[in-house]
Amino acid sequence: MKRSDLLYDANDMVKAGCNDCRGCSACCTGMGESVILDPYDIWQMEINLHCTFAELMRDKIDLHVEEGIILPHLKMQGDMEKCGFLDENGRCGIHSFRPGLCRLFPLGRSYEAGNLQYFLLQDACPHAGYTKVKVKKRLHIPDLRKYEEFLTYWHELRKSMQDEILQIMASSKEEAHIKEINMRFLHIFYEQQYEADDFYGQFAKRRRQMCL
C-alpha cells in the first residue's frame, strides 16, 4: 500500500470515510501480524470483555517480534484468515472498542519530528467510494489529545527499546539479555492487568517503571 505525501491533523478533513463498510470486512481478513496492539487497545479489551491478557492469548491475539521487540497482534483465524472478533455475518464484535489501527484504517500515523500526524493509505481498500470525514471523527476516541500524547510516548518508548536491543545484538552479547528485556516489557505493559479507570495515569507509572 502506498502512502500519500499529505499529512493531516486531527481536525483536518480527509477522504477516508467508508460509510460503515457497507457490510464489507475485507480489511479484517488476511492481515497477518500487522494489526499490532498497544497498551490502550489491551486495556479496552480487558474492561469491555471482562478478561485478562492471558485469556486473550488463548485464541484472539498472538505475539510476534517487531524490530527486536515482542508485541501482541490480532490473530487471523481459519482458511480465510479472518480476525477472531468477526461474527458470522462478517461484522466486528468489538467495534465500539476496536484497536486503534482498526479505527485508523485507511489512515496511517506519522511521527516525524515527534509530531503525530496522519496520512492516507492509497488503494488500501478494494472498494472505491471514500467520503470526506474529519480525522478525529473517524477515530472516535474519547479525549483525543491525551490519546495522541500517549501514542507519541509509546512510539518513542518502542523506538528507544528497539535501539537498545539493536545495540545489544551488535555487541554480540547473549540472547538471554534480549529475552529478559522483552519479558519485562511484556509484563509491565501487557500482562499486568489494568484497572478500569485512568488508563493514562497507569501508563505513565508503568513507563517510569520500565525506565528504572
N, C-alpha and C. Protein backbone atom coordinates (compact mmCIF):
# COMPACT_ATOMS: atom_id res chain seq x y z
N MET A 1 0.84 -1.19 0.00
CA MET A 1 0.00 0.00 0.00
C MET A 1 0.88 1.25 0.00
N LYS A 2 0.58 2.16 -0.87
CA LYS A 2 1.34 3.41 -0.98
C LYS A 2 0.70 4.48 -0.11
N ARG A 3 1.53 5.24 0.59
CA ARG A 3 1.01 6.33 1.41
C ARG A 3 1.06 7.64 0.64
N SER A 4 0.09 8.50 0.94
CA SER A 4 0.08 9.82 0.33
C SER A 4 1.16 10.69 0.97
N ASP A 5 1.55 11.75 0.28
CA ASP A 5 2.56 12.66 0.81
C ASP A 5 1.95 13.69 1.77
N LEU A 6 0.64 13.86 1.70
CA LEU A 6 -0.02 14.84 2.55
C LEU A 6 -0.15 14.33 3.98
N LEU A 7 0.06 15.23 4.95
CA LEU A 7 -0.11 14.89 6.35
C LEU A 7 -1.28 15.68 6.92
N TYR A 8 -2.02 15.05 7.81
CA TYR A 8 -3.24 15.65 8.36
C TYR A 8 -3.18 15.70 9.88
N ASP A 9 -3.83 16.70 10.45
CA ASP A 9 -4.02 16.78 11.89
C ASP A 9 -5.43 16.28 12.22
N ALA A 10 -5.71 16.13 13.50
CA ALA A 10 -6.98 15.55 13.93
C ALA A 10 -8.20 16.34 13.46
N ASN A 11 -8.06 17.65 13.29
CA ASN A 11 -9.19 18.48 12.89
C ASN A 11 -9.33 18.64 11.38
N ASP A 12 -8.44 18.01 10.62
CA ASP A 12 -8.50 18.12 9.16
C ASP A 12 -9.52 17.16 8.57
N MET A 13 -10.05 17.55 7.42
CA MET A 13 -10.94 16.67 6.65
C MET A 13 -10.08 15.84 5.70
N VAL A 14 -10.42 14.55 5.58
CA VAL A 14 -9.68 13.65 4.69
C VAL A 14 -10.66 12.66 4.07
N LYS A 15 -10.38 12.24 2.87
CA LYS A 15 -11.27 11.31 2.17
C LYS A 15 -10.98 9.89 2.67
N ALA A 16 -11.52 9.58 3.85
CA ALA A 16 -11.24 8.28 4.49
C ALA A 16 -12.50 7.61 5.04
N GLY A 17 -13.67 8.23 4.84
CA GLY A 17 -14.91 7.63 5.33
C GLY A 17 -15.33 6.46 4.46
N CYS A 18 -15.69 5.35 5.10
CA CYS A 18 -16.05 4.14 4.34
C CYS A 18 -17.53 3.79 4.49
N ASN A 19 -18.33 4.74 5.00
CA ASN A 19 -19.78 4.51 5.13
C ASN A 19 -20.10 3.21 5.89
N ASP A 20 -19.41 3.03 7.02
CA ASP A 20 -19.64 1.86 7.87
C ASP A 20 -19.34 0.55 7.16
N CYS A 21 -18.50 0.60 6.14
CA CYS A 21 -18.03 -0.56 5.39
C CYS A 21 -19.11 -1.23 4.54
N ARG A 22 -20.37 -0.84 4.72
CA ARG A 22 -21.47 -1.37 3.91
C ARG A 22 -21.46 -2.89 3.86
N GLY A 23 -21.20 -3.52 4.99
CA GLY A 23 -21.22 -4.97 5.05
C GLY A 23 -19.92 -5.64 4.64
N CYS A 24 -18.90 -4.85 4.26
CA CYS A 24 -17.61 -5.40 3.83
C CYS A 24 -16.69 -5.58 5.04
N SER A 25 -15.89 -6.65 5.02
CA SER A 25 -14.91 -6.86 6.09
C SER A 25 -13.55 -7.23 5.50
N ALA A 26 -13.26 -6.70 4.32
CA ALA A 26 -12.01 -7.02 3.62
C ALA A 26 -10.79 -6.66 4.45
N CYS A 27 -10.85 -5.53 5.18
CA CYS A 27 -9.68 -5.09 5.95
C CYS A 27 -9.55 -5.86 7.26
N CYS A 28 -10.47 -6.80 7.53
CA CYS A 28 -10.39 -7.65 8.73
C CYS A 28 -9.95 -9.06 8.37
N THR A 29 -9.48 -9.24 7.13
CA THR A 29 -9.11 -10.55 6.63
C THR A 29 -7.71 -10.51 6.03
N GLY A 30 -6.93 -11.55 6.31
CA GLY A 30 -5.61 -11.69 5.71
C GLY A 30 -4.63 -10.62 6.11
N MET A 31 -4.75 -10.10 7.32
CA MET A 31 -3.87 -9.02 7.77
C MET A 31 -2.59 -9.52 8.42
N GLY A 32 -2.45 -10.83 8.54
CA GLY A 32 -1.24 -11.41 9.12
C GLY A 32 -0.98 -10.91 10.53
N GLU A 33 0.22 -10.37 10.75
CA GLU A 33 0.61 -9.87 12.08
C GLU A 33 0.60 -8.35 12.13
N SER A 34 -0.06 -7.72 11.17
CA SER A 34 0.07 -6.27 11.01
C SER A 34 -0.77 -5.43 11.97
N VAL A 35 -1.83 -6.02 12.57
CA VAL A 35 -2.67 -5.23 13.48
C VAL A 35 -2.08 -5.33 14.89
N ILE A 36 -1.04 -4.53 15.12
CA ILE A 36 -0.32 -4.54 16.39
C ILE A 36 -1.15 -3.84 17.45
N LEU A 37 -1.13 -4.40 18.65
CA LEU A 37 -1.94 -3.88 19.76
C LEU A 37 -1.06 -3.13 20.75
N ASP A 38 -1.46 -1.92 21.09
CA ASP A 38 -0.73 -1.16 22.10
C ASP A 38 -1.43 -1.33 23.46
N PRO A 39 -0.86 -0.83 24.54
CA PRO A 39 -1.47 -1.00 25.87
C PRO A 39 -2.89 -0.45 25.97
N TYR A 40 -3.19 0.65 25.27
CA TYR A 40 -4.55 1.19 25.30
C TYR A 40 -5.54 0.19 24.71
N ASP A 41 -5.15 -0.47 23.61
CA ASP A 41 -6.01 -1.48 22.99
C ASP A 41 -6.31 -2.61 23.96
N ILE A 42 -5.26 -3.08 24.65
CA ILE A 42 -5.43 -4.18 25.60
C ILE A 42 -6.31 -3.75 26.77
N TRP A 43 -6.10 -2.54 27.26
CA TRP A 43 -6.95 -2.02 28.35
C TRP A 43 -8.41 -2.01 27.94
N GLN A 44 -8.69 -1.54 26.73
CA GLN A 44 -10.07 -1.52 26.24
C GLN A 44 -10.67 -2.92 26.17
N MET A 45 -9.90 -3.88 25.70
CA MET A 45 -10.40 -5.25 25.59
C MET A 45 -10.64 -5.86 26.97
N GLU A 46 -9.72 -5.60 27.89
CA GLU A 46 -9.86 -6.17 29.24
C GLU A 46 -11.12 -5.68 29.93
N ILE A 47 -11.38 -4.36 29.86
CA ILE A 47 -12.52 -3.83 30.61
C ILE A 47 -13.84 -4.11 29.91
N ASN A 48 -13.85 -4.22 28.59
CA ASN A 48 -15.10 -4.45 27.87
C ASN A 48 -15.45 -5.92 27.72
N LEU A 49 -14.44 -6.77 27.65
CA LEU A 49 -14.67 -8.21 27.53
C LEU A 49 -14.56 -8.92 28.88
N HIS A 50 -14.19 -8.15 29.93
CA HIS A 50 -14.04 -8.71 31.28
C HIS A 50 -13.10 -9.92 31.27
N CYS A 51 -11.92 -9.69 30.71
CA CYS A 51 -10.95 -10.77 30.61
C CYS A 51 -9.55 -10.24 30.90
N THR A 52 -8.58 -11.12 30.86
CA THR A 52 -7.19 -10.76 31.09
C THR A 52 -6.40 -10.92 29.80
N PHE A 53 -5.19 -10.42 29.81
CA PHE A 53 -4.30 -10.58 28.66
C PHE A 53 -4.07 -12.07 28.38
N ALA A 54 -3.89 -12.85 29.43
CA ALA A 54 -3.66 -14.29 29.26
C ALA A 54 -4.86 -14.96 28.59
N GLU A 55 -6.06 -14.52 28.94
CA GLU A 55 -7.26 -15.10 28.33
C GLU A 55 -7.38 -14.70 26.86
N LEU A 56 -6.99 -13.48 26.52
CA LEU A 56 -6.99 -13.05 25.12
C LEU A 56 -5.99 -13.86 24.30
N MET A 57 -4.89 -14.25 24.95
CA MET A 57 -3.84 -15.01 24.27
C MET A 57 -4.29 -16.42 23.90
N ARG A 58 -5.38 -16.89 24.46
CA ARG A 58 -5.84 -18.25 24.16
C ARG A 58 -6.23 -18.41 22.70
N ASP A 59 -6.94 -17.41 22.14
CA ASP A 59 -7.37 -17.58 20.76
C ASP A 59 -7.58 -16.29 19.97
N LYS A 60 -7.51 -15.13 20.62
CA LYS A 60 -7.83 -13.89 19.92
C LYS A 60 -6.60 -13.08 19.52
N ILE A 61 -5.52 -13.19 20.26
CA ILE A 61 -4.30 -12.44 19.95
C ILE A 61 -3.10 -13.37 19.99
N ASP A 62 -2.01 -12.92 19.42
CA ASP A 62 -0.77 -13.70 19.41
C ASP A 62 0.41 -12.74 19.52
N LEU A 63 1.62 -13.29 19.62
CA LEU A 63 2.83 -12.47 19.75
C LEU A 63 3.73 -12.65 18.55
N HIS A 64 4.45 -11.60 18.21
CA HIS A 64 5.47 -11.69 17.17
C HIS A 64 6.58 -10.68 17.48
N VAL A 65 7.71 -10.83 16.81
CA VAL A 65 8.84 -9.93 17.01
C VAL A 65 8.78 -8.81 15.96
N GLU A 66 8.77 -7.57 16.44
CA GLU A 66 8.72 -6.39 15.58
C GLU A 66 9.98 -5.57 15.82
N GLU A 67 10.95 -5.70 14.92
CA GLU A 67 12.23 -4.98 15.04
C GLU A 67 12.85 -5.20 16.42
N GLY A 68 12.87 -6.44 16.84
CA GLY A 68 13.54 -6.81 18.09
C GLY A 68 12.64 -6.87 19.31
N ILE A 69 11.46 -6.23 19.25
CA ILE A 69 10.55 -6.21 20.41
C ILE A 69 9.40 -7.19 20.19
N ILE A 70 9.07 -7.93 21.23
CA ILE A 70 7.92 -8.83 21.17
C ILE A 70 6.65 -8.03 21.45
N LEU A 71 5.71 -8.07 20.50
CA LEU A 71 4.47 -7.30 20.61
C LEU A 71 3.27 -8.18 20.27
N PRO A 72 2.11 -7.90 20.86
CA PRO A 72 0.90 -8.65 20.52
C PRO A 72 0.21 -8.09 19.29
N HIS A 73 -0.51 -8.96 18.59
CA HIS A 73 -1.28 -8.54 17.42
C HIS A 73 -2.58 -9.35 17.37
N LEU A 74 -3.57 -8.83 16.64
CA LEU A 74 -4.80 -9.59 16.43
C LEU A 74 -4.47 -10.85 15.65
N LYS A 75 -5.08 -11.94 16.04
CA LYS A 75 -4.80 -13.23 15.41
C LYS A 75 -5.81 -13.53 14.31
N MET A 76 -5.30 -13.78 13.10
CA MET A 76 -6.15 -14.19 11.99
C MET A 76 -6.42 -15.69 12.11
N GLN A 77 -7.64 -16.11 11.79
CA GLN A 77 -8.03 -17.49 12.02
C GLN A 77 -8.68 -18.13 10.80
N GLY A 78 -8.56 -19.46 10.71
CA GLY A 78 -9.23 -20.23 9.67
C GLY A 78 -8.58 -20.11 8.31
N ASP A 79 -9.16 -20.82 7.33
CA ASP A 79 -8.62 -20.82 5.97
C ASP A 79 -8.68 -19.44 5.33
N MET A 80 -9.67 -18.65 5.73
CA MET A 80 -9.82 -17.31 5.17
C MET A 80 -9.00 -16.28 5.92
N GLU A 81 -8.34 -16.70 7.00
CA GLU A 81 -7.53 -15.81 7.83
C GLU A 81 -8.30 -14.58 8.23
N LYS A 82 -9.44 -14.81 8.92
CA LYS A 82 -10.28 -13.71 9.38
C LYS A 82 -9.94 -13.37 10.83
N CYS A 83 -10.13 -12.11 11.18
CA CYS A 83 -9.95 -11.69 12.57
C CYS A 83 -10.90 -12.49 13.46
N GLY A 84 -10.40 -12.95 14.62
CA GLY A 84 -11.19 -13.75 15.53
C GLY A 84 -12.37 -13.03 16.14
N PHE A 85 -12.44 -11.72 15.98
CA PHE A 85 -13.55 -10.95 16.55
C PHE A 85 -14.68 -10.72 15.54
N LEU A 86 -14.53 -11.22 14.31
CA LEU A 86 -15.62 -11.10 13.33
C LEU A 86 -16.72 -12.10 13.66
N ASP A 87 -17.98 -11.67 13.53
CA ASP A 87 -19.08 -12.61 13.78
C ASP A 87 -19.43 -13.34 12.47
N GLU A 88 -20.49 -14.17 12.52
CA GLU A 88 -20.85 -14.99 11.37
C GLU A 88 -21.30 -14.15 10.17
N ASN A 89 -21.66 -12.91 10.41
CA ASN A 89 -22.07 -12.01 9.33
C ASN A 89 -20.94 -11.13 8.83
N GLY A 90 -19.74 -11.40 9.32
CA GLY A 90 -18.59 -10.60 8.91
C GLY A 90 -18.55 -9.22 9.52
N ARG A 91 -19.21 -9.04 10.65
CA ARG A 91 -19.22 -7.75 11.35
C ARG A 91 -18.34 -7.83 12.59
N CYS A 92 -17.76 -6.70 12.95
CA CYS A 92 -16.84 -6.65 14.09
C CYS A 92 -17.59 -6.78 15.40
N GLY A 93 -17.18 -7.76 16.22
CA GLY A 93 -17.83 -7.98 17.50
C GLY A 93 -17.35 -7.05 18.60
N ILE A 94 -16.30 -6.27 18.30
CA ILE A 94 -15.77 -5.34 19.31
C ILE A 94 -15.69 -3.93 18.72
N HIS A 95 -16.59 -3.61 17.82
CA HIS A 95 -16.49 -2.37 17.04
C HIS A 95 -16.37 -1.13 17.91
N SER A 96 -17.11 -1.06 19.01
CA SER A 96 -17.11 0.15 19.84
C SER A 96 -15.79 0.32 20.59
N PHE A 97 -15.02 -0.75 20.75
CA PHE A 97 -13.72 -0.64 21.42
C PHE A 97 -12.63 -1.36 20.61
N ARG A 98 -12.75 -1.32 19.30
CA ARG A 98 -11.78 -1.95 18.40
C ARG A 98 -10.41 -1.26 18.54
N PRO A 99 -9.34 -1.96 18.18
CA PRO A 99 -7.98 -1.40 18.31
C PRO A 99 -7.78 -0.12 17.50
N GLY A 100 -6.80 0.65 17.91
CA GLY A 100 -6.51 1.93 17.26
C GLY A 100 -6.20 1.81 15.79
N LEU A 101 -5.45 0.76 15.38
CA LEU A 101 -5.12 0.62 13.97
C LEU A 101 -6.35 0.30 13.14
N CYS A 102 -7.32 -0.39 13.74
CA CYS A 102 -8.58 -0.68 13.04
C CYS A 102 -9.39 0.61 12.86
N ARG A 103 -9.43 1.43 13.90
CA ARG A 103 -10.13 2.72 13.82
C ARG A 103 -9.50 3.61 12.75
N LEU A 104 -8.20 3.54 12.68
CA LEU A 104 -7.42 4.44 11.82
C LEU A 104 -7.57 4.13 10.34
N PHE A 105 -7.60 2.86 9.99
CA PHE A 105 -7.62 2.43 8.59
C PHE A 105 -8.75 3.12 7.81
N PRO A 106 -8.49 3.69 6.63
CA PRO A 106 -7.29 3.60 5.78
C PRO A 106 -6.28 4.72 6.00
N LEU A 107 -6.18 5.20 7.21
CA LEU A 107 -5.16 6.19 7.55
C LEU A 107 -3.99 5.50 8.25
N GLY A 108 -2.84 6.14 8.20
CA GLY A 108 -1.67 5.69 8.94
C GLY A 108 -1.17 6.83 9.81
N ARG A 109 -0.23 6.53 10.68
CA ARG A 109 0.33 7.55 11.58
C ARG A 109 1.76 7.90 11.19
N SER A 110 2.07 9.18 11.33
CA SER A 110 3.43 9.67 11.10
C SER A 110 3.92 10.35 12.37
N TYR A 111 5.17 10.08 12.75
CA TYR A 111 5.74 10.67 13.97
C TYR A 111 6.96 11.53 13.63
N GLU A 112 6.95 12.13 12.48
CA GLU A 112 8.10 12.94 12.05
C GLU A 112 8.33 14.10 13.01
N ALA A 113 9.58 14.24 13.43
CA ALA A 113 9.99 15.32 14.35
C ALA A 113 9.17 15.29 15.65
N GLY A 114 8.74 14.09 16.05
CA GLY A 114 8.00 13.96 17.30
C GLY A 114 6.59 14.51 17.26
N ASN A 115 6.10 14.79 16.06
CA ASN A 115 4.78 15.37 15.89
C ASN A 115 3.84 14.34 15.26
N LEU A 116 2.83 13.89 15.99
CA LEU A 116 1.91 12.90 15.49
C LEU A 116 0.94 13.52 14.48
N GLN A 117 0.97 12.98 13.25
CA GLN A 117 0.03 13.38 12.21
C GLN A 117 -0.44 12.13 11.48
N TYR A 118 -1.31 12.32 10.51
CA TYR A 118 -1.91 11.18 9.83
C TYR A 118 -1.73 11.31 8.32
N PHE A 119 -1.66 10.16 7.65
CA PHE A 119 -1.58 10.15 6.19
C PHE A 119 -2.56 9.10 5.66
N LEU A 120 -2.92 9.24 4.40
CA LEU A 120 -3.87 8.33 3.76
C LEU A 120 -3.13 7.21 3.05
N LEU A 121 -3.56 5.98 3.29
CA LEU A 121 -3.03 4.82 2.58
C LEU A 121 -3.81 4.68 1.28
N GLN A 122 -3.16 4.91 0.18
CA GLN A 122 -3.84 4.89 -1.11
C GLN A 122 -4.10 3.46 -1.56
N ASP A 123 -5.27 3.24 -2.15
CA ASP A 123 -5.67 1.91 -2.65
C ASP A 123 -5.64 0.85 -1.56
N ALA A 124 -5.88 1.28 -0.30
CA ALA A 124 -5.85 0.33 0.82
C ALA A 124 -7.09 -0.54 0.86
N CYS A 125 -8.19 -0.02 0.34
CA CYS A 125 -9.46 -0.75 0.36
C CYS A 125 -9.82 -1.17 -1.06
N PRO A 126 -10.30 -2.41 -1.25
CA PRO A 126 -10.65 -2.87 -2.60
C PRO A 126 -11.90 -2.20 -3.16
N HIS A 127 -12.63 -1.49 -2.31
CA HIS A 127 -13.86 -0.84 -2.76
C HIS A 127 -13.67 0.68 -2.80
N ALA A 128 -14.00 1.27 -3.92
CA ALA A 128 -13.86 2.72 -4.07
C ALA A 128 -15.03 3.41 -3.39
N GLY A 129 -14.94 4.72 -3.26
CA GLY A 129 -16.08 5.47 -2.75
C GLY A 129 -15.90 6.06 -1.38
N TYR A 130 -14.65 6.36 -0.97
CA TYR A 130 -14.43 7.02 0.31
C TYR A 130 -15.12 8.39 0.31
N THR A 131 -15.63 8.77 1.46
CA THR A 131 -16.22 10.09 1.63
C THR A 131 -15.33 10.90 2.56
N LYS A 132 -15.48 12.23 2.52
CA LYS A 132 -14.67 13.08 3.39
C LYS A 132 -15.18 13.02 4.82
N VAL A 133 -14.25 12.93 5.75
CA VAL A 133 -14.58 12.88 7.16
C VAL A 133 -13.46 13.54 7.95
N LYS A 134 -13.81 14.16 9.07
CA LYS A 134 -12.79 14.74 9.93
C LYS A 134 -12.02 13.61 10.61
N VAL A 135 -10.71 13.74 10.70
CA VAL A 135 -9.87 12.68 11.25
C VAL A 135 -10.34 12.27 12.64
N LYS A 136 -10.61 13.23 13.52
CA LYS A 136 -10.99 12.88 14.89
C LYS A 136 -12.35 12.19 14.94
N LYS A 137 -13.22 12.47 13.98
CA LYS A 137 -14.50 11.76 13.92
C LYS A 137 -14.28 10.33 13.46
N ARG A 138 -13.36 10.14 12.53
CA ARG A 138 -13.01 8.80 12.07
C ARG A 138 -12.47 7.96 13.22
N LEU A 139 -11.62 8.56 14.05
CA LEU A 139 -11.02 7.84 15.17
C LEU A 139 -12.02 7.59 16.30
N HIS A 140 -12.86 8.59 16.58
CA HIS A 140 -13.89 8.49 17.62
C HIS A 140 -13.30 7.96 18.94
N ILE A 141 -12.27 8.67 19.42
CA ILE A 141 -11.58 8.32 20.67
C ILE A 141 -11.88 9.39 21.72
N PRO A 142 -12.33 9.00 22.92
CA PRO A 142 -12.54 9.99 23.99
C PRO A 142 -11.22 10.67 24.36
N ASP A 143 -11.27 11.98 24.59
CA ASP A 143 -10.09 12.76 24.98
C ASP A 143 -8.93 12.48 24.03
N LEU A 144 -9.13 12.83 22.78
CA LEU A 144 -8.15 12.53 21.73
C LEU A 144 -6.78 13.14 22.02
N ARG A 145 -6.75 14.29 22.66
CA ARG A 145 -5.45 14.93 22.96
C ARG A 145 -4.60 14.02 23.84
N LYS A 146 -5.19 13.47 24.89
CA LYS A 146 -4.46 12.57 25.77
C LYS A 146 -4.05 11.29 25.04
N TYR A 147 -4.95 10.81 24.18
CA TYR A 147 -4.66 9.59 23.42
C TYR A 147 -3.47 9.81 22.49
N GLU A 148 -3.44 10.94 21.80
CA GLU A 148 -2.33 11.23 20.90
C GLU A 148 -1.03 11.42 21.68
N GLU A 149 -1.13 12.02 22.85
CA GLU A 149 0.05 12.17 23.71
C GLU A 149 0.58 10.81 24.12
N PHE A 150 -0.33 9.89 24.49
CA PHE A 150 0.07 8.52 24.83
C PHE A 150 0.75 7.85 23.64
N LEU A 151 0.16 7.97 22.44
CA LEU A 151 0.74 7.33 21.26
C LEU A 151 2.15 7.83 20.98
N THR A 152 2.37 9.13 21.19
CA THR A 152 3.70 9.69 20.96
C THR A 152 4.71 9.13 21.96
N TYR A 153 4.32 9.08 23.24
CA TYR A 153 5.19 8.47 24.26
C TYR A 153 5.46 7.01 23.93
N TRP A 154 4.42 6.30 23.52
CA TRP A 154 4.54 4.86 23.22
C TRP A 154 5.47 4.64 22.03
N HIS A 155 5.34 5.47 21.01
CA HIS A 155 6.21 5.37 19.84
C HIS A 155 7.67 5.61 20.24
N GLU A 156 7.91 6.63 21.06
CA GLU A 156 9.27 6.95 21.49
C GLU A 156 9.86 5.83 22.34
N LEU A 157 9.02 5.24 23.21
CA LEU A 157 9.48 4.15 24.06
C LEU A 157 9.84 2.93 23.23
N ARG A 158 8.97 2.59 22.30
CA ARG A 158 9.26 1.45 21.42
C ARG A 158 10.55 1.67 20.64
N LYS A 159 10.72 2.89 20.14
CA LYS A 159 11.93 3.20 19.35
C LYS A 159 13.17 3.08 20.21
N SER A 160 13.13 3.58 21.44
CA SER A 160 14.30 3.50 22.31
C SER A 160 14.59 2.05 22.69
N MET A 161 13.54 1.25 22.87
CA MET A 161 13.71 -0.18 23.18
C MET A 161 14.35 -0.90 22.00
N GLN A 162 13.87 -0.60 20.80
CA GLN A 162 14.42 -1.23 19.61
C GLN A 162 15.88 -0.85 19.42
N ASP A 163 16.21 0.42 19.65
CA ASP A 163 17.60 0.86 19.53
C ASP A 163 18.49 0.15 20.54
N GLU A 164 17.98 -0.01 21.77
CA GLU A 164 18.75 -0.70 22.82
C GLU A 164 19.01 -2.15 22.43
N ILE A 165 17.99 -2.81 21.91
CA ILE A 165 18.15 -4.22 21.51
C ILE A 165 19.11 -4.36 20.34
N LEU A 166 19.04 -3.44 19.39
CA LEU A 166 19.97 -3.48 18.25
C LEU A 166 21.41 -3.29 18.71
N GLN A 167 21.62 -2.43 19.70
CA GLN A 167 22.97 -2.22 20.25
C GLN A 167 23.48 -3.49 20.93
N ILE A 168 22.58 -4.15 21.66
CA ILE A 168 22.96 -5.40 22.32
C ILE A 168 23.33 -6.46 21.28
N MET A 169 22.54 -6.54 20.21
CA MET A 169 22.81 -7.51 19.15
C MET A 169 24.15 -7.21 18.48
N ALA A 170 24.44 -5.93 18.28
CA ALA A 170 25.68 -5.53 17.62
C ALA A 170 26.91 -5.83 18.47
N SER A 171 26.71 -5.83 19.78
CA SER A 171 27.84 -6.09 20.69
C SER A 171 28.04 -7.58 20.95
N SER A 172 27.21 -8.41 20.30
CA SER A 172 27.32 -9.87 20.39
C SER A 172 27.12 -10.40 21.80
N LYS A 173 26.32 -9.69 22.59
CA LYS A 173 26.02 -10.17 23.93
C LYS A 173 25.02 -11.31 23.85
N GLU A 174 24.82 -12.00 24.95
CA GLU A 174 23.95 -13.17 24.96
C GLU A 174 22.50 -12.79 24.65
N GLU A 175 21.83 -13.71 23.93
CA GLU A 175 20.42 -13.50 23.60
C GLU A 175 19.55 -13.49 24.84
N ALA A 176 20.04 -14.08 25.91
CA ALA A 176 19.27 -14.14 27.15
C ALA A 176 18.96 -12.73 27.67
N HIS A 177 19.89 -11.79 27.43
CA HIS A 177 19.67 -10.42 27.89
C HIS A 177 18.52 -9.77 27.11
N ILE A 178 18.47 -10.03 25.80
CA ILE A 178 17.38 -9.50 24.98
C ILE A 178 16.06 -10.10 25.42
N LYS A 179 16.04 -11.39 25.69
CA LYS A 179 14.82 -12.05 26.16
C LYS A 179 14.36 -11.47 27.48
N GLU A 180 15.30 -11.19 28.37
CA GLU A 180 14.97 -10.61 29.67
C GLU A 180 14.31 -9.23 29.50
N ILE A 181 14.84 -8.41 28.59
CA ILE A 181 14.27 -7.09 28.33
C ILE A 181 12.84 -7.23 27.80
N ASN A 182 12.65 -8.14 26.86
CA ASN A 182 11.35 -8.34 26.26
C ASN A 182 10.32 -8.86 27.26
N MET A 183 10.73 -9.79 28.11
CA MET A 183 9.80 -10.34 29.09
C MET A 183 9.37 -9.27 30.09
N ARG A 184 10.30 -8.41 30.46
CA ARG A 184 9.97 -7.31 31.38
C ARG A 184 9.02 -6.32 30.70
N PHE A 185 9.30 -6.02 29.44
CA PHE A 185 8.47 -5.12 28.65
C PHE A 185 7.04 -5.65 28.54
N LEU A 186 6.90 -6.94 28.20
CA LEU A 186 5.59 -7.56 28.07
C LEU A 186 4.84 -7.56 29.40
N HIS A 187 5.56 -7.87 30.47
CA HIS A 187 4.92 -7.95 31.77
C HIS A 187 4.41 -6.59 32.24
N ILE A 188 5.25 -5.56 32.10
CA ILE A 188 4.88 -4.23 32.58
C ILE A 188 3.71 -3.64 31.80
N PHE A 189 3.75 -3.74 30.47
CA PHE A 189 2.75 -3.04 29.65
C PHE A 189 1.57 -3.88 29.21
N TYR A 190 1.68 -5.20 29.30
CA TYR A 190 0.60 -6.03 28.79
C TYR A 190 0.07 -7.06 29.81
N GLU A 191 0.93 -7.82 30.41
CA GLU A 191 0.47 -8.92 31.26
C GLU A 191 -0.17 -8.44 32.56
N GLN A 192 0.38 -7.38 33.14
CA GLN A 192 -0.24 -6.82 34.35
C GLN A 192 -1.59 -6.21 33.98
N GLN A 193 -2.63 -6.68 34.64
CA GLN A 193 -3.97 -6.21 34.28
C GLN A 193 -4.16 -4.74 34.66
N TYR A 194 -4.84 -4.01 33.77
CA TYR A 194 -5.13 -2.60 34.00
C TYR A 194 -6.43 -2.45 34.78
N GLU A 195 -6.47 -1.43 35.62
CA GLU A 195 -7.72 -1.10 36.29
C GLU A 195 -8.65 -0.41 35.31
N ALA A 196 -9.93 -0.36 35.65
CA ALA A 196 -10.94 0.13 34.71
C ALA A 196 -10.83 1.62 34.42
N ASP A 197 -10.31 2.40 35.36
CA ASP A 197 -10.28 3.85 35.14
C ASP A 197 -8.85 4.37 35.02
N ASP A 198 -8.72 5.58 34.49
CA ASP A 198 -7.46 6.31 34.40
C ASP A 198 -6.35 5.51 33.74
N PHE A 199 -6.56 5.12 32.48
CA PHE A 199 -5.52 4.40 31.75
C PHE A 199 -4.24 5.22 31.66
N TYR A 200 -4.36 6.49 31.36
CA TYR A 200 -3.18 7.31 31.09
C TYR A 200 -2.30 7.45 32.34
N GLY A 201 -2.93 7.53 33.51
CA GLY A 201 -2.16 7.56 34.75
C GLY A 201 -1.42 6.26 34.98
N GLN A 202 -2.09 5.15 34.69
CA GLN A 202 -1.46 3.84 34.85
C GLN A 202 -0.30 3.67 33.87
N PHE A 203 -0.50 4.13 32.64
CA PHE A 203 0.56 4.02 31.65
C PHE A 203 1.78 4.84 32.05
N ALA A 204 1.56 6.04 32.57
CA ALA A 204 2.67 6.90 32.99
C ALA A 204 3.50 6.22 34.07
N LYS A 205 2.84 5.57 35.03
CA LYS A 205 3.55 4.87 36.10
C LYS A 205 4.36 3.71 35.53
N ARG A 206 3.77 2.98 34.59
CA ARG A 206 4.45 1.83 34.02
C ARG A 206 5.63 2.27 33.14
N ARG A 207 5.47 3.40 32.48
CA ARG A 207 6.56 3.93 31.66
C ARG A 207 7.77 4.28 32.54
N ARG A 208 7.48 4.90 33.69
CA ARG A 208 8.58 5.21 34.62
C ARG A 208 9.20 3.93 35.17
N GLN A 209 8.37 2.93 35.43
CA GLN A 209 8.85 1.65 35.94
C GLN A 209 9.78 0.98 34.94
N MET A 210 9.42 1.07 33.66
CA MET A 210 10.24 0.44 32.61
C MET A 210 11.59 1.13 32.47
N CYS A 211 11.60 2.42 32.75
CA CYS A 211 12.84 3.20 32.57
C CYS A 211 13.80 3.10 33.75
N LEU A 212 13.34 2.47 34.85
CA LEU A 212 14.20 2.35 36.02
C LEU A 212 15.35 1.38 35.76
